C-alpha atoms as a PDB file:
ATOM      1  CA  MET A   1     -48.158 -45.048 -83.331  1.00  0.00           C
ATOM      2  CA  SER A   2     -48.737 -48.236 -81.048  1.00  0.00           C
ATOM      3  CA  ASN A   3     -45.290 -49.498 -81.967  1.00  0.00           C
ATOM      4  CA  LEU A   4     -43.433 -46.239 -80.607  1.00  0.00           C
ATOM      5  CA  LEU A   5     -45.404 -46.447 -77.578  1.00  0.00           C
ATOM      6  CA  LYS A   6     -44.374 -50.162 -76.970  1.00  0.00           C
ATOM      7  CA  ILE A   7     -40.912 -49.097 -77.576  1.00  0.00           C
ATOM      8  CA  LEU A   8     -40.921 -46.224 -75.489  1.00  0.00           C
ATOM      9  CA  ALA A   9     -42.336 -48.223 -72.502  1.00  0.00           C
ATOM     10  CA  ILE A  10     -39.722 -51.009 -73.089  1.00  0.00           C
ATOM     11  CA  SER A  11     -36.933 -48.357 -73.018  1.00  0.00           C
ATOM     12  CA  ALA A  12     -38.586 -46.812 -69.686  1.00  0.00           C
ATOM     13  CA  VAL A  13     -38.758 -50.310 -68.053  1.00  0.00           C
ATOM     14  CA  ALA A  14     -35.121 -50.802 -68.947  1.00  0.00           C
ATOM     15  CA  VAL A  15     -33.749 -47.677 -67.740  1.00  0.00           C
ATOM     16  CA  LEU A  16     -35.870 -48.414 -64.414  1.00  0.00           C
ATOM     17  CA  ILE A  17     -34.450 -51.761 -64.206  1.00  0.00           C
ATOM     18  CA  ILE A  18     -30.835 -50.924 -64.752  1.00  0.00           C
ATOM     19  CA  GLY A  19     -31.273 -47.725 -62.363  1.00  0.00           C
ATOM     20  CA  CYS A  20     -32.307 -50.085 -59.528  1.00  0.00           C
ATOM     21  CA  GLY A  21     -29.682 -52.519 -60.165  1.00  0.00           C
ATOM     22  CA  GLY A  22     -28.867 -51.647 -56.123  1.00  0.00           C
ATOM     23  CA  ARG A  23     -25.601 -52.030 -54.645  1.00  0.00           C
ATOM     24  CA  ASP A  24     -24.262 -55.057 -52.721  1.00  0.00           C
ATOM     25  CA  VAL A  25     -23.133 -54.774 -49.182  1.00  0.00           C
ATOM     26  CA  THR A  26     -21.009 -57.278 -47.584  1.00  0.00           C
ATOM     27  CA  ARG A  27     -20.634 -57.612 -43.574  1.00  0.00           C
ATOM     28  CA  THR A  28     -17.343 -58.013 -42.534  1.00  0.00           C
ATOM     29  CA  ASP A  29     -15.207 -58.723 -39.279  1.00  0.00           C
ATOM     30  CA  PRO A  30     -14.887 -55.242 -37.486  1.00  0.00           C
ATOM     31  CA  ASP A  31     -11.037 -56.229 -37.147  1.00  0.00           C
ATOM     32  CA  THR A  32     -10.264 -56.667 -40.830  1.00  0.00           C
ATOM     33  CA  VAL A  33      -8.282 -53.768 -41.947  1.00  0.00           C
ATOM     34  CA  THR A  34      -9.551 -51.478 -44.486  1.00  0.00           C
ATOM     35  CA  ASP A  35      -8.454 -48.825 -46.131  1.00  0.00           C
ATOM     36  CA  LEU A  36     -10.525 -47.237 -48.892  1.00  0.00           C
ATOM     37  CA  SER A  37      -9.779 -43.860 -49.373  1.00  0.00           C
ATOM     38  CA  GLY A  38      -6.167 -43.677 -47.423  1.00  0.00           C
ATOM     39  CA  TYR A  39      -8.008 -41.063 -44.924  1.00  0.00           C
ATOM     40  CA  TRP A  40      -7.720 -41.409 -41.510  1.00  0.00           C
ATOM     41  CA  ASN A  41     -10.047 -44.331 -40.359  1.00  0.00           C
ATOM     42  CA  GLU A  42     -10.840 -46.555 -37.591  1.00  0.00           C
ATOM     43  CA  THR A  43      -8.038 -48.796 -38.212  1.00  0.00           C
ATOM     44  CA  ASP A  44      -5.862 -45.929 -37.515  1.00  0.00           C
ATOM     45  CA  ALA A  45      -7.741 -44.672 -34.644  1.00  0.00           C
ATOM     46  CA  HIS A  46      -7.307 -48.415 -32.665  1.00  0.00           C
ATOM     47  CA  MET A  47      -3.859 -48.688 -33.999  1.00  0.00           C
ATOM     48  CA  VAL A  48      -2.646 -45.658 -32.597  1.00  0.00           C
ATOM     49  CA  ALA A  49      -4.314 -45.887 -29.476  1.00  0.00           C
ATOM     50  CA  ASP A  50      -3.120 -49.414 -28.487  1.00  0.00           C
ATOM     51  CA  SER A  51       0.344 -48.130 -29.498  1.00  0.00           C
ATOM     52  CA  MET A  52       0.147 -44.849 -27.610  1.00  0.00           C
ATOM     53  CA  VAL A  53      -0.983 -46.597 -24.655  1.00  0.00           C
ATOM     54  CA  ILE A  54       1.905 -49.144 -24.542  1.00  0.00           C
ATOM     55  CA  GLN A  55       4.451 -45.823 -25.004  1.00  0.00           C
ATOM     56  CA  CYS A  56       2.629 -44.206 -21.936  1.00  0.00           C
ATOM     57  CA  LEU A  57       2.538 -47.368 -19.413  1.00  0.00           C
ATOM     58  CA  ASP A  58       6.153 -47.665 -20.376  1.00  0.00           C
ATOM     59  CA  GLY A  59       7.011 -44.279 -19.256  1.00  0.00           C
ATOM     60  CA  VAL A  60       8.796 -43.638 -16.040  1.00  0.00           C
ATOM     61  CA  TRP A  61       5.644 -41.461 -14.651  1.00  0.00           C
ATOM     62  CA  LEU A  62       3.956 -45.162 -13.758  1.00  0.00           C
ATOM     63  CA  SER A  63       6.482 -46.175 -11.400  1.00  0.00           C
ATOM     64  CA  GLU A  64       7.242 -42.899  -9.599  1.00  0.00           C
ATOM     65  CA  PHE A  65       3.334 -42.849  -8.986  1.00  0.00           C
ATOM     66  CA  SER A  66       3.220 -46.340  -7.789  1.00  0.00           C
ATOM     67  CA  SER A  67       6.282 -45.486  -5.557  1.00  0.00           C
ATOM     68  CA  ARG A  68       4.614 -42.344  -3.804  1.00  0.00           C
ATOM     69  CA  ALA A  69       1.249 -44.181  -3.497  1.00  0.00           C
ATOM     70  CA  GLY A  70       2.542 -47.231  -2.047  1.00  0.00           C
ATOM     71  CA  SER A  71       1.802 -50.981  -2.562  1.00  0.00           C
ATOM     72  CA  GLY A  72      -0.909 -51.103   0.266  1.00  0.00           C
ATOM     73  CA  ALA A  73      -2.556 -48.226  -1.079  1.00  0.00           C
ATOM     74  CA  SER A  74      -6.186 -48.169  -2.256  1.00  0.00           C
ATOM     75  CA  GLN A  75      -5.080 -45.639  -5.403  1.00  0.00           C
ATOM     76  CA  ALA A  76      -1.859 -47.887  -6.224  1.00  0.00           C
ATOM     77  CA  ARG A  77      -3.073 -47.582  -9.731  1.00  0.00           C
ATOM     78  CA  PRO A  78      -3.642 -44.064 -11.246  1.00  0.00           C
ATOM     79  CA  VAL A  79      -6.743 -42.789 -12.053  1.00  0.00           C
ATOM     80  CA  ILE A  80      -6.833 -41.073 -15.794  1.00  0.00           C
ATOM     81  CA  VAL A  81      -9.509 -38.560 -17.116  1.00  0.00           C
ATOM     82  CA  VAL A  82      -8.895 -39.147 -21.200  1.00  0.00           C
ATOM     83  CA  GLY A  83      -9.771 -35.578 -21.862  1.00  0.00           C
ATOM     84  CA  GLY A  84     -10.041 -33.744 -25.254  1.00  0.00           C
ATOM     85  CA  ILE A  85      -8.170 -35.257 -28.485  1.00  0.00           C
ATOM     86  CA  TYR A  86      -8.108 -32.091 -30.681  1.00  0.00           C
ATOM     87  CA  ASN A  87      -8.261 -32.426 -34.623  1.00  0.00           C
ATOM     88  CA  GLN A  88      -5.718 -30.239 -36.047  1.00  0.00           C
ATOM     89  CA  SER A  89      -5.843 -32.261 -39.229  1.00  0.00           C
ATOM     90  CA  SER A  90      -7.019 -31.538 -42.972  1.00  0.00           C
ATOM     91  CA  GLU A  91      -9.881 -33.683 -42.825  1.00  0.00           C
ATOM     92  CA  HIS A  92     -12.824 -34.595 -40.466  1.00  0.00           C
ATOM     93  CA  ILE A  93     -11.568 -36.927 -37.615  1.00  0.00           C
ATOM     94  CA  ASN A  94     -14.360 -38.388 -35.137  1.00  0.00           C
ATOM     95  CA  THR A  95     -11.912 -37.921 -32.317  1.00  0.00           C
ATOM     96  CA  ASP A  96     -14.358 -39.339 -29.726  1.00  0.00           C
ATOM     97  CA  ILE A  97     -13.918 -42.832 -31.546  1.00  0.00           C
ATOM     98  CA  PHE A  98      -9.961 -42.461 -30.832  1.00  0.00           C
ATOM     99  CA  MET A  99     -10.701 -41.362 -26.992  1.00  0.00           C
ATOM    100  CA  ASN A 100     -12.716 -44.219 -26.743  1.00  0.00           C
ATOM    101  CA  ALA A 101      -9.924 -46.489 -28.097  1.00  0.00           C
ATOM    102  CA  ILE A 102      -7.527 -44.959 -25.640  1.00  0.00           C
ATOM    103  CA  GLU A 103      -9.869 -45.825 -22.571  1.00  0.00           C
ATOM    104  CA  GLN A 104     -10.622 -49.060 -23.679  1.00  0.00           C
ATOM    105  CA  SER A 105      -6.689 -49.705 -23.941  1.00  0.00           C
ATOM    106  CA  LEU A 106      -5.606 -48.264 -20.770  1.00  0.00           C
ATOM    107  CA  LEU A 107      -8.438 -50.154 -18.927  1.00  0.00           C
ATOM    108  CA  GLU A 108      -7.610 -53.350 -20.467  1.00  0.00           C
ATOM    109  CA  SER A 109      -4.032 -52.687 -19.256  1.00  0.00           C
ATOM    110  CA  GLY A 110      -4.907 -53.243 -15.689  1.00  0.00           C
ATOM    111  CA  LYS A 111      -2.461 -50.601 -14.773  1.00  0.00           C
ATOM    112  CA  ALA A 112      -5.002 -47.521 -14.670  1.00  0.00           C
ATOM    113  CA  GLN A 113      -8.304 -46.794 -13.569  1.00  0.00           C
ATOM    114  CA  ILE A 114     -10.396 -44.470 -15.866  1.00  0.00           C
ATOM    115  CA  ALA A 115     -12.888 -41.638 -14.468  1.00  0.00           C
ATOM    116  CA  ALA A 116     -15.714 -40.454 -16.278  1.00  0.00           C
ATOM    117  CA  GLY A 117     -14.904 -36.978 -17.827  1.00  0.00           C
ATOM    118  CA  GLY A 118     -16.959 -34.626 -20.086  1.00  0.00           C
ATOM    119  CA  ASP A 119     -20.571 -35.481 -21.023  1.00  0.00           C
ATOM    120  CA  SER A 120     -20.305 -38.784 -18.983  1.00  0.00           C
ATOM    121  CA  ARG A 121     -19.534 -37.157 -15.843  1.00  0.00           C
ATOM    122  CA  GLY A 122     -22.191 -34.673 -16.160  1.00  0.00           C
ATOM    123  CA  GLU A 123     -24.978 -37.504 -17.041  1.00  0.00           C
ATOM    124  CA  VAL A 124     -23.450 -39.578 -13.757  1.00  0.00           C
ATOM    125  CA  ARG A 125     -23.791 -36.501 -11.490  1.00  0.00           C
ATOM    126  CA  THR A 126     -27.241 -35.803 -13.041  1.00  0.00           C
ATOM    127  CA  GLU A 127     -28.343 -39.551 -11.939  1.00  0.00           C
ATOM    128  CA  ARG A 128     -26.884 -39.045  -8.710  1.00  0.00           C
ATOM    129  CA  ALA A 129     -28.899 -35.994  -7.882  1.00  0.00           C
ATOM    130  CA  ASP A 130     -32.291 -37.373  -9.284  1.00  0.00           C
ATOM    131  CA  GLN A 131     -31.676 -40.525  -6.869  1.00  0.00           C
ATOM    132  CA  THR A 132     -31.670 -38.176  -3.896  1.00  0.00           C
ATOM    133  CA  ILE A 133     -35.342 -37.302  -5.011  1.00  0.00           C
ATOM    134  CA  PHE A 134     -36.516 -40.487  -6.435  1.00  0.00           C
ATOM    135  CA  ALA A 135     -34.764 -43.147  -5.196  1.00  0.00           C
ATOM    136  CA  SER A 136     -34.939 -44.736  -1.710  1.00  0.00           C
ATOM    137  CA  PRO A 137     -32.356 -43.607   0.976  1.00  0.00           C
ATOM    138  CA  ALA A 138     -30.987 -47.044   1.365  1.00  0.00           C
ATOM    139  CA  THR A 139     -30.072 -47.203  -2.490  1.00  0.00           C
ATOM    140  CA  ALA A 140     -29.397 -43.495  -3.360  1.00  0.00           C
ATOM    141  CA  ALA A 141     -25.820 -43.225  -4.372  1.00  0.00           C
ATOM    142  CA  ALA A 142     -24.141 -40.633  -2.095  1.00  0.00           C
ATOM    143  CA  PHE A 143     -22.310 -37.610  -3.020  1.00  0.00           C
ATOM    144  CA  GLY A 144     -18.780 -36.636  -2.331  1.00  0.00           C
ATOM    145  CA  HIS A 145     -17.559 -40.256  -2.922  1.00  0.00           C
ATOM    146  CA  GLU A 146     -16.194 -39.413  -6.561  1.00  0.00           C
ATOM    147  CA  ILE A 147     -12.518 -40.696  -7.041  1.00  0.00           C
ATOM    148  CA  GLY A 148     -10.365 -37.698  -8.034  1.00  0.00           C
ATOM    149  CA  ALA A 149      -8.214 -37.921 -11.161  1.00  0.00           C
ATOM    150  CA  ASP A 150      -4.433 -38.173 -10.618  1.00  0.00           C
ATOM    151  CA  PHE A 151      -3.899 -37.507 -14.363  1.00  0.00           C
ATOM    152  CA  VAL A 152      -5.633 -35.905 -17.562  1.00  0.00           C
ATOM    153  CA  MET A 153      -4.629 -36.856 -20.813  1.00  0.00           C
ATOM    154  CA  THR A 154      -4.826 -34.798 -23.741  1.00  0.00           C
ATOM    155  CA  GLY A 155      -3.505 -34.506 -27.185  1.00  0.00           C
ATOM    156  CA  SER A 156      -4.069 -33.637 -30.927  1.00  0.00           C
ATOM    157  CA  VAL A 157      -3.879 -35.196 -34.114  1.00  0.00           C
ATOM    158  CA  GLY A 158      -2.658 -33.444 -37.137  1.00  0.00           C
ATOM    159  CA  SER A 159      -1.651 -34.131 -40.854  1.00  0.00           C
ATOM    160  CA  ILE A 160      -0.272 -32.676 -43.602  1.00  0.00           C
ATOM    161  CA  VAL A 161      -0.936 -33.713 -47.533  1.00  0.00           C
ATOM    162  CA  ASP A 162       1.339 -33.690 -50.490  1.00  0.00           C
ATOM    163  CA  GLU A 163      -0.194 -34.411 -53.795  1.00  0.00           C
ATOM    164  CA  GLU A 164       1.109 -34.662 -57.431  1.00  0.00           C
ATOM    165  CA  GLY A 165      -0.905 -35.995 -60.031  1.00  0.00           C
ATOM    166  CA  SER A 166      -2.382 -39.375 -59.464  1.00  0.00           C
ATOM    167  CA  THR A 167      -0.208 -39.772 -56.106  1.00  0.00           C
ATOM    168  CA  ARG A 168      -1.180 -38.221 -52.434  1.00  0.00           C
ATOM    169  CA  SER A 169       0.934 -38.522 -49.572  1.00  0.00           C
ATOM    170  CA  ILE A 170      -0.971 -38.149 -46.216  1.00  0.00           C
ATOM    171  CA  TYR A 171       1.310 -37.600 -42.942  1.00  0.00           C
ATOM    172  CA  TYR A 172      -0.481 -37.844 -39.695  1.00  0.00           C
ATOM    173  CA  GLN A 173       1.177 -37.021 -36.549  1.00  0.00           C
ATOM    174  CA  ILE A 174      -0.690 -37.976 -33.091  1.00  0.00           C
ATOM    175  CA  SER A 175       0.459 -36.299 -29.934  1.00  0.00           C
ATOM    176  CA  LEU A 176      -0.523 -36.893 -26.588  1.00  0.00           C
ATOM    177  CA  GLU A 177       0.458 -35.759 -23.002  1.00  0.00           C
ATOM    178  CA  LEU A 178      -0.030 -37.005 -19.549  1.00  0.00           C
ATOM    179  CA  ILE A 179      -0.717 -33.928 -16.949  1.00  0.00           C
ATOM    180  CA  ASP A 180      -0.523 -34.166 -13.120  1.00  0.00           C
ATOM    181  CA  VAL A 181      -3.835 -32.780 -11.822  1.00  0.00           C
ATOM    182  CA  GLU A 182      -2.166 -31.923  -8.462  1.00  0.00           C
ATOM    183  CA  THR A 183       0.735 -29.713 -10.066  1.00  0.00           C
ATOM    184  CA  ALA A 184      -0.049 -29.172 -13.517  1.00  0.00           C
ATOM    185  CA  LEU A 185       3.073 -30.471 -14.502  1.00  0.00           C
ATOM    186  CA  LYS A 186       3.722 -32.712 -17.843  1.00  0.00           C
ATOM    187  CA  SER A 187       4.209 -36.495 -16.605  1.00  0.00           C
ATOM    188  CA  TRP A 188       4.676 -37.786 -19.910  1.00  0.00           C
ATOM    189  CA  ILE A 189       4.660 -36.887 -23.506  1.00  0.00           C
ATOM    190  CA  GLY A 190       4.371 -39.082 -26.489  1.00  0.00           C
ATOM    191  CA  SER A 191       3.995 -39.291 -30.475  1.00  0.00           C
ATOM    192  CA  LEU A 192       3.183 -41.465 -33.124  1.00  0.00           C
ATOM    193  CA  GLU A 193       3.516 -40.743 -36.776  1.00  0.00           C
ATOM    194  CA  ILE A 194       1.835 -42.431 -39.555  1.00  0.00           C
ATOM    195  CA  LYS A 195       2.239 -41.708 -43.283  1.00  0.00           C
ATOM    196  CA  LYS A 196       0.254 -43.230 -46.191  1.00  0.00           C
ATOM    197  CA  MET A 197       0.612 -43.216 -49.782  1.00  0.00           C
ATOM    198  CA  ILE A 198      -2.402 -43.101 -52.008  1.00  0.00           C
ATOM    199  CA  GLU A 199      -1.937 -43.873 -55.696  1.00  0.00           C
ATOM    200  CA  TRP A 200      -5.033 -44.015 -58.550  1.00  0.00           C
END
């Protein structure tokens, strides 16, 4: 009976050791292209944002805006609010990451200014209101000095999935548009397509 208990104890320890083998985690450069599942990922978000911003800034709307503003105007660069980018695809896509990548690309271009929108704008306004109560009058930010946006950028990400056997095709279409805040006219429309083939 004691031999049986020893065998059971050794077997239990062996199962625990095998079960607790853990997993290997390797830190990589964030710029490394990783595409494990074939679905939308951070590489796609940054690649699309950079390409779409290049398209946008090559549009005729920018030179028309500069002509209207005049070279000596304080507002020579358009102020853009990056609004909602809507996920109309068949998978979960964190569009906030995509929006942030677009804002970053626009800012780094030096050709546009980015105004806070959505929750960020609300937080700034709350902070300004708090300063009127808690900060000294000499350092409190004044109301009525926000820079109004000239344009709002909105868009969507859609996808079509086709699957047969061990092969899956995912087609993404990303559409963005720039809308003049004063006239509500669409000043620029751009789109980009990505197609991925996944085999397993």
